[in-house]
Amino acid sequence: MKKILLVENDPGLNDAVTCVLQSSGFDVIQSRVNQTVEQIHQIDPQLILLNNAMNTRPGDEVCLEIKNHPLTKHIPVILTTLMTKYESVADNTCADDFIIMPFNIADMEQKIRCYI
């Protein structure tokens, strides 16, 4: 089973996305805080779905850290971001892809399947 690390600070969205992805056959590890590179390496996800607007630290900074570390640089990262923030985030990160919020669940699942 493919493992996804879902980093989302909205509990309702976290649970809804988890439910949909689990019903599609993915193993979802939820987190409401940004993980360190070492924690991510221990979880060993095949993909990270990361909210750019986290409370503790912006997702684009976390993404850069993930992509610049030899233990995690191979893991695809998809950032979720608001339409108004997309261009500034896209210019300043190494994310593999983006999902513009609000998003369609089917579109999200299709993007995920492109990477795992």
Protein backbone atom coordinates (compact mmCIF):
# COMPACT_ATOMS: atom_id res chain seq x y z
CA MET A 1 0.00 0.00 0.00
CA LYS A 2 1.34 3.44 -0.96
CA LYS A 3 1.93 5.72 2.03
CA ILE A 4 1.06 9.43 1.92
CA LEU A 5 2.09 11.93 4.60
CA LEU A 6 -0.75 14.47 4.82
CA VAL A 7 0.34 17.69 6.53
CA GLU A 8 -2.79 19.79 7.05
CA ASN A 9 -3.76 22.03 9.98
CA ASP A 10 -7.52 22.08 9.27
CA PRO A 11 -8.96 19.07 11.17
CA GLY A 12 -12.05 18.78 8.96
CA LEU A 13 -10.08 18.91 5.72
CA ASN A 14 -7.49 16.55 7.19
CA ASP A 15 -10.17 13.96 8.00
CA ALA A 16 -12.03 14.37 4.70
CA VAL A 17 -8.91 14.00 2.55
CA THR A 18 -7.75 11.05 4.66
CA CYS A 19 -11.10 9.30 4.23
CA VAL A 20 -11.09 9.76 0.45
CA LEU A 21 -7.48 8.65 0.02
CA GLN A 22 -7.90 5.64 2.29
CA SER A 23 -10.98 4.56 0.32
CA SER A 24 -8.79 4.76 -2.80
CA GLY A 25 -6.28 2.35 -1.29
CA PHE A 26 -3.67 4.69 0.16
CA ASP A 27 -2.18 4.48 3.64
CA VAL A 28 -2.47 8.02 5.04
CA ILE A 29 -0.37 9.34 7.91
CA GLN A 30 -1.93 12.55 9.27
CA SER A 31 0.04 15.39 10.74
CA ARG A 32 -1.16 18.80 11.86
CA VAL A 33 2.36 20.16 12.28
CA ASN A 34 5.33 20.33 9.93
CA GLN A 35 7.61 17.36 10.31
CA THR A 36 11.39 17.50 10.51
CA VAL A 37 13.34 15.83 7.73
CA GLU A 38 14.36 13.09 10.16
CA GLN A 39 10.72 12.40 11.09
CA ILE A 40 9.76 12.28 7.42
CA HIS A 41 12.59 9.85 6.72
CA GLN A 42 11.36 7.59 9.53
CA ILE A 43 7.77 7.67 8.21
CA ASP A 44 9.12 6.86 4.72
CA PRO A 45 6.14 8.13 2.69
CA GLN A 46 5.92 7.71 -1.07
CA LEU A 47 4.40 11.22 -1.32
CA ILE A 48 3.87 14.28 0.87
CA LEU A 49 0.71 16.37 0.56
CA LEU A 50 1.65 19.61 2.31
CA ASN A 51 -0.50 22.64 3.09
CA ASN A 52 1.46 25.78 2.30
CA ALA A 53 -0.37 27.80 4.98
CA MET A 54 0.64 25.86 8.08
CA ASN A 55 0.52 27.61 11.45
CA THR A 56 4.06 26.76 12.51
CA ARG A 57 6.06 27.31 9.34
CA PRO A 58 5.18 27.97 5.68
CA GLY A 59 4.94 24.81 3.59
CA ASP A 60 7.19 26.21 0.87
CA GLU A 61 10.04 26.49 3.42
CA VAL A 62 9.42 22.93 4.58
CA CYS A 63 9.33 21.77 0.96
CA LEU A 64 12.71 23.37 0.24
CA GLU A 65 14.16 21.64 3.29
CA ILE A 66 12.76 18.28 2.16
CA LYS A 67 14.05 18.71 -1.39
CA ASN A 68 17.50 19.85 -0.24
CA HIS A 69 18.09 16.92 2.12
CA PRO A 70 19.66 13.71 0.74
CA LEU A 71 17.36 11.46 2.81
CA THR A 72 14.12 12.99 1.53
CA LYS A 73 14.85 14.76 -1.77
CA HIS A 74 13.42 11.84 -3.77
CA ILE A 75 9.96 12.09 -2.16
CA PRO A 76 7.40 13.90 -4.33
CA VAL A 77 5.85 16.91 -2.59
CA ILE A 78 2.52 18.37 -3.63
CA LEU A 79 1.72 21.72 -2.01
CA THR A 80 -1.85 22.83 -1.44
CA THR A 81 -2.21 26.58 -1.68
CA LEU A 82 -4.79 29.29 -2.20
CA MET A 83 -5.17 30.60 -5.73
CA THR A 84 -4.02 34.06 -4.63
CA LYS A 85 -0.74 32.64 -3.26
CA TYR A 86 0.02 30.22 -6.10
CA GLU A 87 2.39 32.34 -8.20
CA SER A 88 4.57 33.50 -5.31
CA VAL A 89 4.75 29.95 -3.95
CA ALA A 90 5.49 28.42 -7.36
CA ASP A 91 8.43 30.77 -7.86
CA ASN A 92 9.99 30.04 -4.47
CA THR A 93 9.80 26.29 -3.98
CA CYS A 94 10.93 22.95 -5.31
CA ALA A 95 7.49 21.35 -5.04
CA ASP A 96 6.78 18.66 -7.60
CA ASP A 97 3.25 19.93 -8.09
CA PHE A 98 0.52 22.16 -6.66
CA ILE A 99 -3.14 21.80 -5.84
CA ILE A 100 -5.03 25.08 -5.83
CA MET A 101 -7.59 25.38 -3.01
CA PRO A 102 -10.48 24.95 -2.99
CA PHE A 103 -9.85 21.76 -4.93
CA ASN A 104 -11.76 18.92 -6.48
CA ILE A 105 -11.09 15.58 -4.77
CA ALA A 106 -10.92 13.69 -8.09
CA ASP A 107 -8.34 16.16 -9.44
CA MET A 108 -6.29 15.81 -6.26
CA GLU A 109 -6.35 12.02 -6.49
CA GLN A 110 -5.34 12.15 -10.16
CA LYS A 111 -2.33 14.35 -9.36
CA ILE A 112 -1.28 12.03 -6.56
CA ARG A 113 -1.46 9.00 -8.84
CA CYS A 114 0.87 10.74 -11.30
CA TYR A 115 3.64 10.57 -8.68
CA ILE A 116 3.05 7.22 -6.95
